[in-house]
Amino acid sequence: MTDQSLALVTGASRGIGLAIAERLIRDGYRVVGTATSEGGVAALRERLQSHGAQHDALLLDIANSEQTDAALADLQTRFGTPLIVVNNAGITRDNLFLRLNESDWDAVINTNLNGVFRVCKALVKPMLKQKAGSIINISSIIGTTGNGGQANYAAAKAGLEGFSRSLAQEIASRNITVNCIAPGFIQTDMTDVLPETQKDAILATIPGKRFGSVEDIAGAVAFLASSDAKYITGQTIHVNGGMNMG
């Protein structure tokens, strides 16, 4: 790896995505992060460039096929082909199944599963040409265990893991790995607003007796991006404090 090795992190404006972007910067990568609004891009660019002017941010809506194609073509023109691609962007539209409408089902599948397909479709071919790289897809414990009120999210994340294993088999011979990281409950601004009783109920299911940190996920990404993980592909690494084992 050189200081100019490029890493793309989608959904990098906050939380897990931002932690991943900043960890990869510390590890010597040139990082381009993405956000879904112009304001988000401006704020993310300022944050990333506080670590160095070589880093940047890009407008990317992975739910939109045409915009994704155009944005990633611009990425390659301006920055080159990424060595590391972290597919972190995603959404939730939670509801009990009997109340879940088709538009919320479609929105989650389109972003969390189809969106990763779009990013990989745009970047795998140039990555094959450079004969090196790592694709790291952020899944979830919910893709393995399921969760009431999240049938759409669980389906998307389970599909993401199956997609990753299949893609890994196709491109392993070109020195490109494809893996997933499945976080458990991670402390973010979304978990911070949960009632204490709900937090206590969740913590009771975690042998580690704490929520994970965004740095826990960033550290797992850093490992899969490193040369230490060059013989690991098609795997899902669970980072959940023992909440789900197997």
C-alpha atoms as a PDB file:
ATOM      1  CA  MET A   1       0.000   0.000   0.000  1.00  0.00           C
ATOM      2  CA  THR A   2       1.101   3.551  -0.729  1.00  0.00           C
ATOM      3  CA  ASP A   3      -0.187   6.845   0.585  1.00  0.00           C
ATOM      4  CA  GLN A   4      -2.134   7.221  -2.633  1.00  0.00           C
ATOM      5  CA  SER A   5      -4.060   3.939  -2.364  1.00  0.00           C
ATOM      6  CA  LEU A   6      -7.679   4.966  -2.838  1.00  0.00           C
ATOM      7  CA  ALA A   7     -10.535   3.890  -0.588  1.00  0.00           C
ATOM      8  CA  LEU A   8     -14.195   4.628  -1.298  1.00  0.00           C
ATOM      9  CA  VAL A   9     -16.577   4.618   1.675  1.00  0.00           C
ATOM     10  CA  THR A  10     -20.273   5.041   0.945  1.00  0.00           C
ATOM     11  CA  GLY A  11     -22.551   6.549   3.557  1.00  0.00           C
ATOM     12  CA  ALA A  12     -19.612   8.222   5.276  1.00  0.00           C
ATOM     13  CA  SER A  13     -21.207  11.383   6.644  1.00  0.00           C
ATOM     14  CA  ARG A  14     -21.678  10.084  10.192  1.00  0.00           C
ATOM     15  CA  GLY A  15     -21.619   7.109  12.536  1.00  0.00           C
ATOM     16  CA  ILE A  16     -20.053   3.896  11.327  1.00  0.00           C
ATOM     17  CA  GLY A  17     -19.261   5.226   7.849  1.00  0.00           C
ATOM     18  CA  LEU A  18     -17.389   8.265   9.158  1.00  0.00           C
ATOM     19  CA  ALA A  19     -15.439   6.136  11.631  1.00  0.00           C
ATOM     20  CA  ILE A  20     -14.434   3.792   8.805  1.00  0.00           C
ATOM     21  CA  ALA A  21     -13.339   6.687   6.601  1.00  0.00           C
ATOM     22  CA  GLU A  22     -11.212   8.230   9.326  1.00  0.00           C
ATOM     23  CA  ARG A  23      -9.657   4.896  10.290  1.00  0.00           C
ATOM     24  CA  LEU A  24      -8.643   4.249   6.676  1.00  0.00           C
ATOM     25  CA  ILE A  25      -7.153   7.727   6.530  1.00  0.00           C
ATOM     26  CA  ARG A  26      -5.076   6.927   9.621  1.00  0.00           C
ATOM     27  CA  ASP A  27      -3.959   3.719   7.920  1.00  0.00           C
ATOM     28  CA  GLY A  28      -2.576   5.708   4.977  1.00  0.00           C
ATOM     29  CA  TYR A  29      -5.335   5.556   2.402  1.00  0.00           C
ATOM     30  CA  ARG A  30      -6.564   8.416   0.300  1.00  0.00           C
ATOM     31  CA  VAL A  31     -10.275   8.388   1.131  1.00  0.00           C
ATOM     32  CA  VAL A  32     -13.306   9.519  -0.809  1.00  0.00           C
ATOM     33  CA  GLY A  33     -16.482   9.373   1.249  1.00  0.00           C
ATOM     34  CA  THR A  34     -20.021   9.769  -0.014  1.00  0.00           C
ATOM     35  CA  ALA A  35     -23.189  11.468   1.185  1.00  0.00           C
ATOM     36  CA  THR A  36     -26.654  11.825  -0.313  1.00  0.00           C
ATOM     37  CA  SER A  37     -27.069  15.617  -0.152  1.00  0.00           C
ATOM     38  CA  GLU A  38     -24.972  18.577  -1.242  1.00  0.00           C
ATOM     39  CA  GLY A  39     -24.897  19.830   2.334  1.00  0.00           C
ATOM     40  CA  GLY A  40     -23.778  16.427   3.546  1.00  0.00           C
ATOM     41  CA  VAL A  41     -21.039  16.321   0.919  1.00  0.00           C
ATOM     42  CA  ALA A  42     -19.761  19.772   1.914  1.00  0.00           C
ATOM     43  CA  ALA A  43     -19.658  18.870   5.615  1.00  0.00           C
ATOM     44  CA  LEU A  44     -18.010  15.527   4.937  1.00  0.00           C
ATOM     45  CA  ARG A  45     -15.415  17.091   2.637  1.00  0.00           C
ATOM     46  CA  GLU A  46     -14.490  19.589   5.340  1.00  0.00           C
ATOM     47  CA  ARG A  47     -14.183  16.793   7.917  1.00  0.00           C
ATOM     48  CA  LEU A  48     -12.067  14.537   5.711  1.00  0.00           C
ATOM     49  CA  GLN A  49      -9.855  17.336   4.441  1.00  0.00           C
ATOM     50  CA  SER A  50      -9.054  18.293   8.021  1.00  0.00           C
ATOM     51  CA  HIS A  51      -6.854  15.173   7.772  1.00  0.00           C
ATOM     52  CA  GLY A  52      -5.319  16.256   4.447  1.00  0.00           C
ATOM     53  CA  ALA A  53      -6.289  17.967   1.223  1.00  0.00           C
ATOM     54  CA  GLN A  54      -5.977  14.735  -0.770  1.00  0.00           C
ATOM     55  CA  HIS A  55      -9.221  13.386   0.713  1.00  0.00           C
ATOM     56  CA  ASP A  56     -12.605  14.310  -0.701  1.00  0.00           C
ATOM     57  CA  ALA A  57     -16.343  13.689  -0.702  1.00  0.00           C
ATOM     58  CA  LEU A  58     -18.785  12.791  -3.444  1.00  0.00           C
ATOM     59  CA  LEU A  59     -22.551  13.008  -3.943  1.00  0.00           C
ATOM     60  CA  LEU A  60     -23.872   9.468  -4.315  1.00  0.00           C
ATOM     61  CA  ASP A  61     -27.406   8.099  -4.129  1.00  0.00           C
ATOM     62  CA  ILE A  62     -27.052   4.347  -4.529  1.00  0.00           C
ATOM     63  CA  ALA A  63     -30.849   4.038  -4.790  1.00  0.00           C
ATOM     64  CA  ASN A  64     -30.629   5.803  -8.164  1.00  0.00           C
ATOM     65  CA  SER A  65     -29.029   3.752 -10.923  1.00  0.00           C
ATOM     66  CA  GLU A  66     -28.254   6.612 -13.314  1.00  0.00           C
ATOM     67  CA  GLN A  67     -26.848   8.866 -10.604  1.00  0.00           C
ATOM     68  CA  THR A  68     -24.701   6.029  -9.256  1.00  0.00           C
ATOM     69  CA  ASP A  69     -23.244   5.281 -12.672  1.00  0.00           C
ATOM     70  CA  ALA A  70     -22.476   8.960 -13.280  1.00  0.00           C
ATOM     71  CA  ALA A  71     -20.986   9.529  -9.814  1.00  0.00           C
ATOM     72  CA  LEU A  72     -18.712   6.497  -9.977  1.00  0.00           C
ATOM     73  CA  ALA A  73     -17.582   7.357 -13.499  1.00  0.00           C
ATOM     74  CA  ASP A  74     -16.664  10.802 -12.117  1.00  0.00           C
ATOM     75  CA  LEU A  75     -14.856   9.124  -9.217  1.00  0.00           C
ATOM     76  CA  GLN A  76     -12.680   7.127 -11.594  1.00  0.00           C
ATOM     77  CA  THR A  77     -11.960  10.138 -13.779  1.00  0.00           C
ATOM     78  CA  ARG A  78     -10.962  12.362 -10.877  1.00  0.00           C
ATOM     79  CA  PHE A  79      -9.368   9.914  -8.462  1.00  0.00           C
ATOM     80  CA  GLY A  80      -8.765   6.609 -10.229  1.00  0.00           C
ATOM     81  CA  THR A  81      -9.907   3.099  -9.377  1.00  0.00           C
ATOM     82  CA  PRO A  82     -10.357   2.349  -5.682  1.00  0.00           C
ATOM     83  CA  LEU A  83      -8.254  -0.328  -4.073  1.00  0.00           C
ATOM     84  CA  ILE A  84     -10.768  -0.545  -1.213  1.00  0.00           C
ATOM     85  CA  VAL A  85     -14.547  -0.253  -1.589  1.00  0.00           C
ATOM     86  CA  VAL A  86     -16.630  -0.131   1.588  1.00  0.00           C
ATOM     87  CA  ASN A  87     -20.363  -0.396   0.951  1.00  0.00           C
ATOM     88  CA  ASN A  88     -21.810   1.125   4.106  1.00  0.00           C
ATOM     89  CA  ALA A  89     -24.705   3.270   2.853  1.00  0.00           C
ATOM     90  CA  GLY A  90     -28.120   1.985   3.848  1.00  0.00           C
ATOM     91  CA  ILE A  91     -31.562   2.883   5.160  1.00  0.00           C
ATOM     92  CA  THR A  92     -34.254   1.451   7.419  1.00  0.00           C
ATOM     93  CA  ARG A  93     -38.043   1.554   7.036  1.00  0.00           C
ATOM     94  CA  ASP A  94     -39.114  -0.505  10.026  1.00  0.00           C
ATOM     95  CA  ASN A  95     -42.621  -1.796  10.651  1.00  0.00           C
ATOM     96  CA  LEU A  96     -44.333  -4.966  11.736  1.00  0.00           C
ATOM     97  CA  PHE A  97     -44.922  -7.181   8.727  1.00  0.00           C
ATOM     98  CA  LEU A  98     -48.723  -6.818   8.781  1.00  0.00           C
ATOM     99  CA  ARG A  99     -48.247  -3.038   8.559  1.00  0.00           C
ATOM    100  CA  LEU A 100     -45.293  -3.080   6.175  1.00  0.00           C
ATOM    101  CA  ASN A 101     -46.242  -1.561   2.846  1.00  0.00           C
ATOM    102  CA  GLU A 102     -44.694  -2.434  -0.479  1.00  0.00           C
ATOM    103  CA  SER A 103     -43.039   0.955  -0.957  1.00  0.00           C
ATOM    104  CA  ASP A 104     -41.091   0.574   2.305  1.00  0.00           C
ATOM    105  CA  TRP A 105     -40.125  -2.983   1.336  1.00  0.00           C
ATOM    106  CA  ASP A 106     -38.937  -1.789  -2.077  1.00  0.00           C
ATOM    107  CA  ALA A 107     -37.043   1.212  -0.683  1.00  0.00           C
ATOM    108  CA  VAL A 108     -34.941  -0.905   1.683  1.00  0.00           C
ATOM    109  CA  ILE A 109     -34.242  -3.642  -0.857  1.00  0.00           C
ATOM    110  CA  ASN A 110     -33.424  -1.053  -3.530  1.00  0.00           C
ATOM    111  CA  THR A 111     -30.932   0.821  -1.371  1.00  0.00           C
ATOM    112  CA  ASN A 112     -29.403  -1.845   0.853  1.00  0.00           C
ATOM    113  CA  LEU A 113     -29.148  -4.643  -1.717  1.00  0.00           C
ATOM    114  CA  ASN A 114     -29.627  -3.245  -5.211  1.00  0.00           C
ATOM    115  CA  GLY A 115     -27.490  -0.231  -4.309  1.00  0.00           C
ATOM    116  CA  VAL A 116     -24.522  -2.436  -3.452  1.00  0.00           C
ATOM    117  CA  PHE A 117     -25.024  -4.278  -6.735  1.00  0.00           C
ATOM    118  CA  ARG A 118     -24.874  -0.931  -8.562  1.00  0.00           C
ATOM    119  CA  VAL A 119     -21.659   0.144  -6.856  1.00  0.00           C
ATOM    120  CA  CYS A 120     -19.995  -3.205  -7.488  1.00  0.00           C
ATOM    121  CA  LYS A 121     -21.227  -3.306 -11.084  1.00  0.00           C
ATOM    122  CA  ALA A 122     -19.577   0.049 -11.753  1.00  0.00           C
ATOM    123  CA  LEU A 123     -16.268  -0.724 -10.026  1.00  0.00           C
ATOM    124  CA  VAL A 124     -15.530  -4.450 -10.294  1.00  0.00           C
ATOM    125  CA  LYS A 125     -14.425  -4.324 -13.939  1.00  0.00           C
ATOM    126  CA  PRO A 126     -11.764  -1.631 -13.377  1.00  0.00           C
ATOM    127  CA  MET A 127     -10.714  -3.392 -10.171  1.00  0.00           C
ATOM    128  CA  LEU A 128     -10.240  -6.587 -12.176  1.00  0.00           C
ATOM    129  CA  LYS A 129      -7.963  -4.679 -14.529  1.00  0.00           C
ATOM    130  CA  GLN A 130      -5.758  -3.508 -11.649  1.00  0.00           C
ATOM    131  CA  LYS A 131      -5.740  -7.103 -10.287  1.00  0.00           C
ATOM    132  CA  ALA A 132      -5.995  -5.986  -6.689  1.00  0.00           C
ATOM    133  CA  GLY A 133      -8.573  -4.828  -4.227  1.00  0.00           C
ATOM    134  CA  SER A 134     -10.950  -5.478  -1.398  1.00  0.00           C
ATOM    135  CA  ILE A 135     -14.718  -5.028  -1.326  1.00  0.00           C
ATOM    136  CA  ILE A 136     -16.132  -4.825   2.193  1.00  0.00           C
ATOM    137  CA  ASN A 137     -19.904  -4.823   2.572  1.00  0.00           C
ATOM    138  CA  ILE A 138     -21.493  -3.727   5.839  1.00  0.00           C
ATOM    139  CA  SER A 139     -24.235  -6.185   6.725  1.00  0.00           C
ATOM    140  CA  SER A 140     -25.944  -6.618  10.110  1.00  0.00           C
ATOM    141  CA  ILE A 141     -26.605  -9.182  12.806  1.00  0.00           C
ATOM    142  CA  ILE A 142     -30.240  -8.855  11.682  1.00  0.00           C
ATOM    143  CA  GLY A 143     -29.351 -10.577   8.411  1.00  0.00           C
ATOM    144  CA  THR A 144     -28.569 -13.701  10.454  1.00  0.00           C
ATOM    145  CA  THR A 145     -31.009 -13.563  13.361  1.00  0.00           C
ATOM    146  CA  GLY A 146     -33.906 -11.628  11.878  1.00  0.00           C
ATOM    147  CA  ASN A 147     -35.782  -9.096  13.999  1.00  0.00           C
ATOM    148  CA  GLY A 148     -39.406  -8.256  14.511  1.00  0.00           C
ATOM    149  CA  GLY A 149     -40.374  -5.181  12.535  1.00  0.00           C
ATOM    150  CA  GLN A 150     -37.420  -5.484  10.175  1.00  0.00           C
ATOM    151  CA  ALA A 151     -38.383  -8.105   7.598  1.00  0.00           C
ATOM    152  CA  ASN A 152     -37.280  -5.819   4.745  1.00  0.00           C
ATOM    153  CA  TYR A 153     -33.947  -4.959   6.387  1.00  0.00           C
ATOM    154  CA  ALA A 154     -33.248  -8.593   7.326  1.00  0.00           C
ATOM    155  CA  ALA A 155     -33.999  -9.745   3.786  1.00  0.00           C
ATOM    156  CA  ALA A 156     -31.718  -7.112   2.283  1.00  0.00           C
ATOM    157  CA  LYS A 157     -28.803  -7.913   4.595  1.00  0.00           C
ATOM    158  CA  ALA A 158     -29.159 -11.691   4.181  1.00  0.00           C
ATOM    159  CA  GLY A 159     -29.235 -11.144   0.426  1.00  0.00           C
ATOM    160  CA  LEU A 160     -26.153  -8.936   0.671  1.00  0.00           C
ATOM    161  CA  GLU A 161     -24.204 -11.732   2.334  1.00  0.00           C
ATOM    162  CA  GLY A 162     -25.233 -14.256  -0.326  1.00  0.00           C
ATOM    163  CA  PHE A 163     -24.340 -11.786  -3.061  1.00  0.00           C
ATOM    164  CA  SER A 164     -20.935 -11.208  -1.464  1.00  0.00           C
ATOM    165  CA  ARG A 165     -20.107 -14.907  -1.296  1.00  0.00           C
ATOM    166  CA  SER A 166     -21.050 -15.384  -4.949  1.00  0.00           C
ATOM    167  CA  LEU A 167     -19.069 -12.369  -6.150  1.00  0.00           C
ATOM    168  CA  ALA A 168     -16.106 -13.504  -4.053  1.00  0.00           C
ATOM    169  CA  GLN A 169     -15.997 -16.799  -5.925  1.00  0.00           C
ATOM    170  CA  GLU A 170     -16.023 -15.074  -9.302  1.00  0.00           C
ATOM    171  CA  ILE A 171     -13.181 -12.612  -8.715  1.00  0.00           C
ATOM    172  CA  ALA A 172     -10.877 -14.299  -6.184  1.00  0.00           C
ATOM    173  CA  SER A 173      -8.469 -15.389  -8.912  1.00  0.00           C
ATOM    174  CA  ARG A 174      -7.817 -11.721  -9.748  1.00  0.00           C
ATOM    175  CA  ASN A 175      -6.563 -10.947  -6.253  1.00  0.00           C
ATOM    176  CA  ILE A 176      -9.775  -9.220  -5.148  1.00  0.00           C
ATOM    177  CA  THR A 177     -11.492 -10.198  -1.920  1.00  0.00           C
ATOM    178  CA  VAL A 178     -15.149  -9.693  -1.028  1.00  0.00           C
ATOM    179  CA  ASN A 179     -16.270  -9.924   2.584  1.00  0.00           C
ATOM    180  CA  CYS A 180     -18.998  -8.701   4.893  1.00  0.00           C
ATOM    181  CA  ILE A 181     -18.921  -7.257   8.368  1.00  0.00           C
ATOM    182  CA  ALA A 182     -22.094  -7.759  10.404  1.00  0.00           C
ATOM    183  CA  PRO A 183     -22.328  -5.312  13.307  1.00  0.00           C
ATOM    184  CA  GLY A 184     -24.457  -6.029  16.340  1.00  0.00           C
ATOM    185  CA  PHE A 185     -25.862  -3.140  18.365  1.00  0.00           C
ATOM    186  CA  ILE A 186     -23.498  -0.206  17.897  1.00  0.00           C
ATOM    187  CA  GLN A 187     -23.652   3.014  19.901  1.00  0.00           C
ATOM    188  CA  THR A 188     -24.618   5.785  17.498  1.00  0.00           C
ATOM    189  CA  ASP A 189     -26.948   8.773  17.540  1.00  0.00           C
ATOM    190  CA  MET A 190     -29.773   6.351  16.723  1.00  0.00           C
ATOM    191  CA  THR A 191     -29.165   4.179  19.799  1.00  0.00           C
ATOM    192  CA  ASP A 192     -28.555   7.218  22.004  1.00  0.00           C
ATOM    193  CA  VAL A 193     -32.239   8.186  21.795  1.00  0.00           C
ATOM    194  CA  LEU A 194     -33.543   4.768  22.892  1.00  0.00           C
ATOM    195  CA  PRO A 195     -35.312   4.657  26.272  1.00  0.00           C
ATOM    196  CA  GLU A 196     -33.127   3.321  29.086  1.00  0.00           C
ATOM    197  CA  THR A 197     -35.450   0.357  29.575  1.00  0.00           C
ATOM    198  CA  GLN A 198     -34.969  -0.642  25.932  1.00  0.00           C
ATOM    199  CA  LYS A 199     -31.206  -0.208  26.211  1.00  0.00           C
ATOM    200  CA  ASP A 200     -31.161  -2.407  29.301  1.00  0.00           C
ATOM    201  CA  ALA A 201     -33.181  -5.092  27.519  1.00  0.00           C
ATOM    202  CA  ILE A 202     -30.734  -5.111  24.620  1.00  0.00           C
ATOM    203  CA  LEU A 203     -27.680  -5.169  26.891  1.00  0.00           C
ATOM    204  CA  ALA A 204     -29.095  -8.195  28.684  1.00  0.00           C
ATOM    205  CA  THR A 205     -28.743 -10.155  25.416  1.00  0.00           C
ATOM    206  CA  ILE A 206     -25.090  -9.187  24.867  1.00  0.00           C
ATOM    207  CA  PRO A 207     -22.488 -11.304  26.708  1.00  0.00           C
ATOM    208  CA  GLY A 208     -20.007  -8.424  26.377  1.00  0.00           C
ATOM    209  CA  LYS A 209     -22.443  -6.240  28.368  1.00  0.00           C
ATOM    210  CA  ARG A 210     -21.892  -3.152  26.267  1.00  0.00           C
ATOM    211  CA  PHE A 211     -22.914  -1.688  22.964  1.00  0.00           C
ATOM    212  CA  GLY A 212     -20.249  -1.808  20.313  1.00  0.00           C
ATOM    213  CA  SER A 213     -18.487   1.361  19.230  1.00  0.00           C
ATOM    214  CA  VAL A 214     -18.131   2.642  15.703  1.00  0.00           C
ATOM    215  CA  GLU A 215     -14.387   2.124  16.158  1.00  0.00           C
ATOM    216  CA  ASP A 216     -15.015  -1.609  16.668  1.00  0.00           C
ATOM    217  CA  ILE A 217     -16.495  -1.783  13.172  1.00  0.00           C
ATOM    218  CA  ALA A 218     -13.833   0.478  11.691  1.00  0.00           C
ATOM    219  CA  GLY A 219     -11.143  -1.790  13.134  1.00  0.00           C
ATOM    220  CA  ALA A 220     -12.686  -4.841  11.473  1.00  0.00           C
ATOM    221  CA  VAL A 221     -12.813  -2.976   8.157  1.00  0.00           C
ATOM    222  CA  ALA A 222      -9.172  -1.955   8.562  1.00  0.00           C
ATOM    223  CA  PHE A 223      -8.200  -5.591   9.063  1.00  0.00           C
ATOM    224  CA  LEU A 224     -10.073  -6.797   5.960  1.00  0.00           C
ATOM    225  CA  ALA A 225      -8.542  -3.954   3.955  1.00  0.00           C
ATOM    226  CA  SER A 226      -5.027  -4.893   5.033  1.00  0.00           C
ATOM    227  CA  SER A 227      -2.566  -7.365   3.564  1.00  0.00           C
ATOM    228  CA  ASP A 228      -3.095  -9.500   6.681  1.00  0.00           C
ATOM    229  CA  ALA A 229      -6.504 -10.477   5.251  1.00  0.00           C
ATOM    230  CA  LYS A 230      -5.456 -11.171   1.675  1.00  0.00           C
ATOM    231  CA  TYR A 231      -6.395 -14.877   1.958  1.00  0.00           C
ATOM    232  CA  ILE A 232      -9.826 -14.200   3.480  1.00  0.00           C
ATOM    233  CA  THR A 233     -12.740 -13.923   1.070  1.00  0.00           C
ATOM    234  CA  GLY A 234     -16.416 -14.777   0.971  1.00  0.00           C
ATOM    235  CA  GLN A 235     -16.693 -14.430   4.743  1.00  0.00           C
ATOM    236  CA  THR A 236     -18.961 -12.574   7.140  1.00  0.00           C
ATOM    237  CA  ILE A 237     -17.217 -11.309  10.260  1.00  0.00           C
ATOM    238  CA  HIS A 238     -19.643 -10.783  13.136  1.00  0.00           C
ATOM    239  CA  VAL A 239     -18.807  -7.911  15.478  1.00  0.00           C
ATOM    240  CA  ASN A 240     -21.461  -8.123  18.158  1.00  0.00           C
ATOM    241  CA  GLY A 241     -19.982  -8.736  21.612  1.00  0.00           C
ATOM    242  CA  GLY A 242     -21.123 -12.338  21.538  1.00  0.00           C
ATOM    243  CA  MET A 243     -24.785 -11.533  20.904  1.00  0.00           C
ATOM    244  CA  ASN A 244     -24.811 -14.068  18.089  1.00  0.00           C
ATOM    245  CA  MET A 245     -22.292 -16.898  17.890  1.00  0.00           C
ATOM    246  CA  GLY A 246     -21.825 -19.572  15.265  1.00  0.00           C
END
